[in-house]
Amino acid sequence: MAYQNPDAVAAGAPPWHLPAPQPRPTSGGIRGFVWALWPVMSWLLPVFFVFHGFLGGGGWGTLILMFTSPIFIPAMGLLGMLPRFILRKRGHTTTPAPLVWLLFVNWWAWVAFTITMQDAGDSGPLETLLGSLVPARLSSTYEQGIFVGAVVIAALSWLAVLLLGIAQPPPRPGAPTRGGAWDAVSWNAAFLVPALLVGAVALGVQVTALQTDAAGDTVAQVEALPIAAQADRAEANYTLTQQKLSEVREMIAEDDWRVRDENGGWVRGPAFASSYGACGGSDAECYVFEVGFALETAPTGFDSYDGAWDSRLSELGWMPSERGYGWTDADGFTLEVDQRQNVDRLVVAIESPSWWGDTYDIRQELGEADEDLGLGLTYRFDEWPPLR
């Protein structure tokens, strides 16, 4: 029996002349949702990348991005939309199923490398947006690992979307726009990708908490010590640094070592070196010691470039550095001997590995260093200026 439309029959139309009702248009499920979201994300994510520094402590990178934004934002937005332009020209009105999960990966990768982008100001590196959002410490080395990985994933996923978009045939009339295995993959990706990002950050927090300094202590262990104990610890580390250099000085000369040059400037200050960049990937405070001594006249016959000098240093545990100059030992100390041709003056200097500790608080406990310390004084190989 032919279909009869009751309303039309009631109006007097012959029932056999009436067409069957057409199904209501659907939204396309997750494919339609991603198709509608695609333009928004293609433009919003570059804008977020350029101006995210204003959500925290923006530095020089934020300033550069802001000035380049008239070029960067349109370029990134159009590149993000390029696969969609190709698909729409071929008649697609929803995102092809194999592309949906790749777009989720691409968009979350943009978020990941934006919030882990390292910026810098006049005083050095600045905290990332992720670092300001996470309540616990997160290693800057770990953050940069996320940043690099996210940039690579964003580039590869965009390329995959582009190539798959080019390879997609025009949609078949009546083809389903929802359901199937690809939709299941897409829904999983919608929730799994951000969950993986959160998990990576949580893992980074745990890894950062396990970081140890040259003494094998974690940040929490050191911070639990009273400041007086931390100052004693710093003094012991300073003494260790000087003792290692003293062994080298003894092989060169017994006396006449100076820590100040003829103009009263430090050869290498016997105090805390720059603490922020010395921490090897953690945003916790740490310190190193850089100390140096000079002989106004190098001993007759001494040559730091001679193979015999390397042999003597190796007996003390020093080995040539991978940097191509200087020496290192198993404890992480680095040694330099500066002996220039046609210059009698000889300088030996050592840099320690890093130890956890707030340099400002420790300095306050130790007391301010005497600016005239060592001026006009000479030291034996086993003597050095006190830290306090």
Protein backbone atom coordinates (compact mmCIF):
# COMPACT_ATOMS: atom_id res chain seq x y z
CA MET A 1 0.00 0.00 0.00
CA ALA A 2 1.32 3.51 -0.86
CA TYR A 3 2.26 5.89 1.89
CA GLN A 4 -0.50 8.35 2.82
CA ASN A 5 0.17 11.70 4.44
CA PRO A 6 -2.81 12.30 6.76
CA ASP A 7 -2.52 16.10 6.64
CA ALA A 8 -2.32 16.19 2.89
CA VAL A 9 -5.18 13.73 2.47
CA ALA A 10 -7.30 15.85 4.77
CA ALA A 11 -6.53 18.85 2.58
CA GLY A 12 -7.84 16.99 -0.48
CA ALA A 13 -4.62 15.89 -2.23
CA PRO A 14 -4.65 12.37 -3.74
CA PRO A 15 -2.55 10.17 -1.43
CA TRP A 16 -0.80 8.36 -4.31
CA HIS A 17 0.64 11.66 -5.61
CA LEU A 18 2.40 12.55 -2.36
CA PRO A 19 6.17 11.83 -1.80
CA ALA A 20 7.41 9.97 1.22
CA PRO A 21 8.72 12.23 4.02
CA GLN A 22 12.49 12.91 3.95
CA PRO A 23 14.61 12.17 7.05
CA ARG A 24 15.62 15.13 9.12
CA PRO A 25 19.15 16.39 8.50
CA THR A 26 21.56 15.33 11.21
CA SER A 27 24.42 17.26 12.78
CA GLY A 28 26.94 14.60 11.79
CA GLY A 29 27.83 13.66 15.37
CA ILE A 30 31.43 14.19 16.33
CA ARG A 31 32.39 14.67 12.69
CA GLY A 32 29.99 17.57 12.31
CA PHE A 33 31.08 19.00 15.64
CA VAL A 34 34.77 18.95 14.64
CA TRP A 35 33.89 20.42 11.22
CA ALA A 36 32.22 23.39 12.94
CA LEU A 37 35.03 23.70 15.51
CA TRP A 38 37.81 23.55 12.92
CA PRO A 39 37.76 27.27 11.89
CA VAL A 40 37.57 28.37 15.52
CA MET A 41 40.62 26.36 16.57
CA SER A 42 42.61 27.26 13.45
CA TRP A 43 42.49 30.93 14.42
CA LEU A 44 42.18 30.76 18.20
CA LEU A 45 45.28 28.62 18.79
CA PRO A 46 47.73 30.96 16.95
CA VAL A 47 46.23 33.91 18.84
CA PHE A 48 46.67 32.03 22.12
CA PHE A 49 50.28 31.20 21.20
CA VAL A 50 51.14 34.82 20.41
CA PHE A 51 49.52 36.43 23.44
CA HIS A 52 49.80 33.70 26.10
CA GLY A 53 52.73 35.56 27.67
CA PHE A 54 50.33 38.21 28.92
CA LEU A 55 48.70 35.57 31.13
CA GLY A 56 51.99 35.29 33.05
CA GLY A 57 55.35 36.98 33.06
CA GLY A 58 55.82 37.74 29.36
CA GLY A 59 59.37 38.47 28.23
CA TRP A 60 61.24 39.23 25.06
CA GLY A 61 59.69 36.29 23.23
CA THR A 62 56.20 37.64 23.87
CA LEU A 63 57.25 41.04 22.57
CA ILE A 64 58.69 39.54 19.38
CA LEU A 65 55.59 37.41 18.81
CA MET A 66 53.35 40.42 19.32
CA PHE A 67 55.19 42.43 16.65
CA THR A 68 55.16 39.50 14.21
CA SER A 69 51.51 38.62 14.90
CA PRO A 70 50.12 40.41 11.77
CA ILE A 71 52.04 37.85 9.70
CA PHE A 72 52.18 34.86 12.05
CA ILE A 73 48.50 34.61 12.99
CA PRO A 74 47.09 34.79 9.42
CA ALA A 75 49.76 32.38 8.16
CA MET A 76 49.08 29.80 10.86
CA GLY A 77 45.32 30.26 10.59
CA LEU A 78 45.29 29.74 6.83
CA LEU A 79 47.60 26.72 7.09
CA GLY A 80 45.29 25.22 9.69
CA MET A 81 42.28 25.80 7.44
CA LEU A 82 43.94 24.57 4.23
CA PRO A 83 42.82 20.91 4.55
CA ARG A 84 39.28 22.10 5.29
CA PHE A 85 39.26 24.33 2.21
CA ILE A 86 40.25 21.32 0.11
CA LEU A 87 37.56 19.12 1.64
CA ARG A 88 34.82 21.73 1.31
CA LYS A 89 35.66 22.27 -2.35
CA ARG A 90 35.10 18.53 -2.87
CA GLY A 91 31.69 18.72 -1.29
CA HIS A 92 32.35 17.64 2.28
CA THR A 93 30.18 19.16 4.97
CA THR A 94 31.50 17.08 7.86
CA THR A 95 35.03 16.04 8.77
CA PRO A 96 36.02 12.71 7.18
CA ALA A 97 36.26 10.08 9.89
CA PRO A 98 40.04 9.36 9.67
CA LEU A 99 40.84 13.04 10.19
CA VAL A 100 38.89 13.69 13.37
CA TRP A 101 41.26 12.11 15.88
CA LEU A 102 44.27 13.69 14.14
CA LEU A 103 42.72 17.13 14.59
CA PHE A 104 42.27 16.53 18.32
CA VAL A 105 45.94 15.52 18.52
CA ASN A 106 46.99 18.60 16.57
CA TRP A 107 44.96 21.03 18.65
CA TRP A 108 46.14 19.65 21.98
CA ALA A 109 49.73 19.68 20.71
CA TRP A 110 49.31 23.42 20.05
CA VAL A 111 48.12 23.87 23.62
CA ALA A 112 51.01 21.81 24.97
CA PHE A 113 53.83 23.66 23.23
CA THR A 114 52.22 27.03 23.95
CA ILE A 115 52.04 26.53 27.71
CA THR A 116 55.58 25.07 27.85
CA MET A 117 57.24 27.73 25.70
CA GLN A 118 60.27 29.13 27.54
CA ASP A 119 60.58 32.91 27.53
CA ALA A 120 63.31 35.15 28.89
CA GLY A 121 63.61 38.64 30.28
CA ASP A 122 66.44 40.95 31.26
CA SER A 123 67.18 38.92 34.38
CA GLY A 124 67.18 35.50 32.70
CA PRO A 125 64.66 32.70 31.98
CA LEU A 126 61.05 33.22 33.00
CA GLU A 127 58.52 30.76 34.31
CA THR A 128 56.39 29.10 31.66
CA LEU A 129 52.63 29.35 31.70
CA LEU A 130 52.47 25.69 32.69
CA GLY A 131 54.93 26.32 35.51
CA SER A 132 52.72 29.07 36.88
CA LEU A 133 49.65 26.81 36.76
CA VAL A 134 51.19 23.74 38.39
CA PRO A 135 51.33 24.11 42.20
CA ALA A 136 54.44 21.90 42.50
CA ARG A 137 57.90 22.31 40.96
CA LEU A 138 58.31 21.14 37.38
CA SER A 139 61.73 20.66 35.83
CA SER A 140 62.41 23.14 33.04
CA THR A 141 64.28 20.40 31.18
CA TYR A 142 61.17 18.22 31.38
CA GLU A 143 59.03 21.14 30.19
CA GLN A 144 61.30 21.67 27.22
CA GLY A 145 60.98 17.99 26.42
CA ILE A 146 57.20 18.42 26.30
CA PHE A 147 57.64 21.55 24.17
CA VAL A 148 59.84 19.86 21.56
CA GLY A 149 57.67 16.74 21.47
CA ALA A 150 54.49 18.81 21.09
CA VAL A 151 55.96 20.87 18.23
CA VAL A 152 56.94 17.69 16.37
CA ILE A 153 53.52 16.10 16.97
CA ALA A 154 51.71 19.27 15.85
CA ALA A 155 53.70 19.43 12.61
CA LEU A 156 53.31 15.73 11.81
CA SER A 157 49.60 15.61 12.64
CA TRP A 158 48.90 18.68 10.49
CA LEU A 159 50.82 17.10 7.60
CA ALA A 160 48.84 13.89 8.03
CA VAL A 161 45.54 15.84 8.00
CA LEU A 162 46.63 17.66 4.84
CA LEU A 163 47.66 14.49 2.98
CA LEU A 164 44.56 12.58 4.05
CA GLY A 165 42.41 15.56 3.10
CA ILE A 166 43.92 15.61 -0.38
CA ALA A 167 43.38 11.86 -0.71
CA GLN A 168 39.72 11.95 0.37
CA PRO A 169 37.23 11.36 -2.47
CA PRO A 170 34.01 13.40 -2.69
CA PRO A 171 31.36 12.18 -0.25
CA ARG A 172 28.89 9.59 -1.51
CA PRO A 173 25.23 10.63 -1.46
CA GLY A 174 23.50 9.07 1.50
CA ALA A 175 26.74 7.99 3.18
CA PRO A 176 26.47 7.92 7.00
CA THR A 177 28.03 10.86 8.83
CA ARG A 178 28.27 9.21 12.19
CA GLY A 179 28.94 5.85 13.80
CA GLY A 180 31.54 3.23 13.05
CA ALA A 181 34.97 2.40 14.38
CA TRP A 182 36.48 5.75 13.41
CA ASP A 183 33.98 7.61 15.57
CA ALA A 184 34.95 5.43 18.51
CA VAL A 185 38.60 6.29 17.90
CA SER A 186 37.71 9.97 17.68
CA TRP A 187 35.75 9.99 20.92
CA ASN A 188 38.61 8.22 22.67
CA ALA A 189 41.08 10.75 21.29
CA ALA A 190 38.90 13.67 22.44
CA PHE A 191 39.33 12.56 26.05
CA LEU A 192 42.52 10.52 25.96
CA VAL A 193 44.83 13.15 24.44
CA PRO A 194 44.25 15.81 27.15
CA ALA A 195 44.41 13.07 29.78
CA LEU A 196 47.84 12.05 28.44
CA LEU A 197 48.99 15.66 28.65
CA VAL A 198 47.84 15.93 32.27
CA GLY A 199 49.52 12.60 33.00
CA ALA A 200 52.77 13.79 31.45
CA VAL A 201 52.73 16.88 33.66
CA ALA A 202 51.98 14.80 36.77
CA LEU A 203 54.87 12.49 35.89
CA GLY A 204 57.13 15.51 35.43
CA VAL A 205 56.28 16.75 38.91
CA GLN A 206 57.24 13.37 40.36
CA VAL A 207 60.49 13.24 38.37
CA THR A 208 61.38 16.78 39.47
CA ALA A 209 60.82 15.89 43.13
CA LEU A 210 63.38 13.09 42.77
CA GLN A 211 66.13 15.32 41.36
CA THR A 212 69.24 15.37 43.52
CA ASP A 213 72.13 17.79 43.82
CA ALA A 214 75.85 17.02 43.91
CA ALA A 215 75.46 15.66 47.46
CA GLY A 216 72.61 13.33 46.48
CA ASP A 217 69.95 15.31 48.35
CA THR A 218 66.52 16.27 47.01
CA VAL A 219 65.09 19.79 47.20
CA ALA A 220 62.66 18.75 49.92
CA GLN A 221 65.46 17.31 52.07
CA VAL A 222 67.49 20.52 51.85
CA GLU A 223 64.51 22.83 52.40
CA ALA A 224 63.68 20.89 55.57
CA LEU A 225 67.02 21.94 57.08
CA PRO A 226 67.22 25.09 59.21
CA ILE A 227 68.89 27.98 57.38
CA ALA A 228 71.87 27.77 59.76
CA ALA A 229 72.39 24.15 58.72
CA GLN A 230 72.09 25.12 55.05
CA ALA A 231 74.75 27.79 55.56
CA ASP A 232 77.07 25.25 57.23
CA ARG A 233 76.45 22.93 54.32
CA ALA A 234 77.33 25.68 51.85
CA GLU A 235 80.54 26.43 53.75
CA ALA A 236 81.51 22.75 53.65
CA ASN A 237 80.87 22.69 49.89
CA TYR A 238 83.01 25.80 49.48
CA THR A 239 85.82 24.16 51.44
CA LEU A 240 85.58 21.05 49.28
CA THR A 241 85.83 23.20 46.15
CA GLN A 242 88.89 25.01 47.47
CA GLN A 243 90.56 21.75 48.53
CA LYS A 244 90.25 20.32 45.05
CA LEU A 245 91.80 23.45 43.55
CA SER A 246 94.48 23.46 46.26
CA GLU A 247 95.74 20.07 45.06
CA VAL A 248 96.24 21.50 41.58
CA ARG A 249 97.86 24.69 42.86
CA GLU A 250 100.34 22.60 44.84
CA MET A 251 101.57 20.98 41.63
CA ILE A 252 102.31 24.41 40.15
CA ALA A 253 103.64 26.58 42.98
CA GLU A 254 103.62 26.59 46.77
CA ASP A 255 103.21 30.30 47.33
CA ASP A 256 102.43 33.73 45.84
CA TRP A 257 98.86 32.95 44.84
CA ARG A 258 96.47 35.91 44.60
CA VAL A 259 92.72 36.14 44.35
CA ARG A 260 92.84 39.80 43.28
CA ASP A 261 94.71 41.20 40.31
CA GLU A 262 96.89 44.31 40.29
CA ASN A 263 93.87 46.56 39.74
CA GLY A 264 91.95 45.08 42.67
CA GLY A 265 89.55 43.04 40.52
CA TRP A 266 88.65 39.46 41.33
CA VAL A 267 90.44 36.71 39.46
CA ARG A 268 87.33 34.63 40.09
CA GLY A 269 85.20 35.57 43.05
CA PRO A 270 85.24 33.11 45.97
CA ALA A 271 81.49 33.36 46.42
CA PHE A 272 78.23 32.12 44.98
CA ALA A 273 78.00 31.99 41.22
CA SER A 274 74.81 32.61 39.26
CA SER A 275 72.28 30.33 40.87
CA TYR A 276 69.28 30.26 38.51
CA GLY A 277 70.97 28.82 35.42
CA ALA A 278 73.16 26.43 37.38
CA CYS A 279 70.41 24.13 38.56
CA GLY A 280 70.39 21.77 35.62
CA GLY A 281 66.71 21.79 34.75
CA SER A 282 64.89 22.56 37.99
CA ASP A 283 63.31 25.84 38.99
CA ALA A 284 64.45 25.33 42.57
CA GLU A 285 67.18 27.60 43.90
CA CYS A 286 70.68 26.20 43.82
CA TYR A 287 74.24 27.49 43.82
CA VAL A 288 77.69 26.70 42.51
CA PHE A 289 81.10 27.97 43.54
CA GLU A 290 83.57 29.45 41.09
CA VAL A 291 86.95 30.19 42.62
CA GLY A 292 90.24 31.07 41.03
CA PHE A 293 93.81 32.05 41.85
CA ALA A 294 96.54 33.70 39.80
CA LEU A 295 100.32 33.72 39.73
CA GLU A 296 101.78 36.94 38.40
CA THR A 297 104.61 34.88 36.91
CA ALA A 298 104.22 31.27 35.85
CA PRO A 299 106.94 28.89 37.13
CA THR A 300 109.85 28.40 34.76
CA GLY A 301 109.23 25.48 32.45
CA PHE A 302 105.55 25.08 33.32
CA ASP A 303 103.39 24.32 30.28
CA SER A 304 99.71 23.48 30.70
CA TYR A 305 99.57 22.29 27.08
CA ASP A 306 102.21 19.62 27.69
CA GLY A 307 101.08 16.00 27.79
CA ALA A 308 102.97 15.57 31.05
CA TRP A 309 100.58 18.05 32.71
CA ASP A 310 97.59 15.93 31.66
CA SER A 311 99.29 12.89 33.15
CA ARG A 312 99.84 14.65 36.48
CA LEU A 313 96.22 15.79 36.56
CA SER A 314 94.98 12.30 35.77
CA GLU A 315 96.73 11.07 38.92
CA LEU A 316 94.40 13.39 40.87
CA GLY A 317 91.33 12.10 39.04
CA TRP A 318 91.02 14.84 36.43
CA MET A 319 90.26 13.97 32.82
CA PRO A 320 90.00 16.14 29.68
CA SER A 321 86.59 17.76 29.37
CA GLU A 322 84.21 16.89 26.55
CA ARG A 323 83.94 20.63 25.87
CA GLY A 324 87.36 20.47 24.24
CA TYR A 325 89.13 22.53 26.90
CA GLY A 326 89.71 22.16 30.63
CA TRP A 327 89.28 19.08 32.79
CA THR A 328 86.53 17.42 34.80
CA ASP A 329 86.44 14.87 37.61
CA ALA A 330 84.02 12.19 38.71
CA ASP A 331 82.36 14.53 41.24
CA GLY A 332 81.28 17.02 38.56
CA PHE A 333 83.92 19.71 39.17
CA THR A 334 85.49 21.46 36.19
CA LEU A 335 89.01 22.87 36.09
CA GLU A 336 90.60 25.46 33.82
CA VAL A 337 94.23 26.59 33.54
CA ASP A 338 94.67 29.82 31.62
CA GLN A 339 98.22 30.19 30.39
CA ARG A 340 98.45 32.44 27.36
CA GLN A 341 101.42 32.77 25.11
CA ASN A 342 103.61 35.86 25.59
CA VAL A 343 101.91 36.48 28.97
CA ASP A 344 103.66 35.46 32.18
CA ARG A 345 100.48 35.46 34.28
CA LEU A 346 98.88 32.10 35.06
CA VAL A 347 95.31 31.60 36.28
CA VAL A 348 93.78 28.40 37.63
CA ALA A 349 90.04 28.23 38.31
CA ILE A 350 87.52 25.63 39.35
CA GLU A 351 83.74 25.46 39.10
CA SER A 352 81.77 23.18 41.38
CA PRO A 353 78.64 21.20 40.58
CA SER A 354 75.37 22.58 41.96
CA TRP A 355 73.79 22.16 45.37
CA TRP A 356 70.25 23.03 46.42
CA GLY A 357 69.83 26.13 48.55
CA ASP A 358 68.36 29.62 48.49
CA THR A 359 71.37 31.83 47.84
CA TYR A 360 69.78 34.95 49.31
CA ASP A 361 68.90 33.31 52.62
CA ILE A 362 72.27 31.58 52.84
CA ARG A 363 74.11 34.83 52.11
CA GLN A 364 72.16 36.54 54.87
CA GLU A 365 73.14 33.78 57.30
CA LEU A 366 76.80 33.82 56.25
CA GLY A 367 77.06 37.61 56.25
CA GLU A 368 78.07 39.96 53.49
CA ALA A 369 81.46 39.32 51.93
CA ASP A 370 84.24 41.84 52.54
CA GLU A 371 84.77 43.72 49.28
CA ASP A 372 88.44 44.29 50.16
CA LEU A 373 89.00 40.62 50.91
CA GLY A 374 92.30 39.42 49.49
CA LEU A 375 93.42 42.84 48.26
CA GLY A 376 97.23 42.82 48.28
CA LEU A 377 97.37 39.40 49.95
CA THR A 378 99.14 36.30 48.74
CA TYR A 379 98.25 32.75 49.71
CA ARG A 380 99.98 29.44 49.96
CA PHE A 381 98.57 26.60 47.88
CA ASP A 382 96.67 25.32 50.95
CA GLU A 383 95.22 28.70 51.94
CA TRP A 384 92.21 30.60 50.65
CA PRO A 385 89.87 33.43 51.70
CA PRO A 386 87.10 32.38 54.12
CA LEU A 387 83.52 32.32 52.94
CA ARG A 388 82.39 34.27 56.00
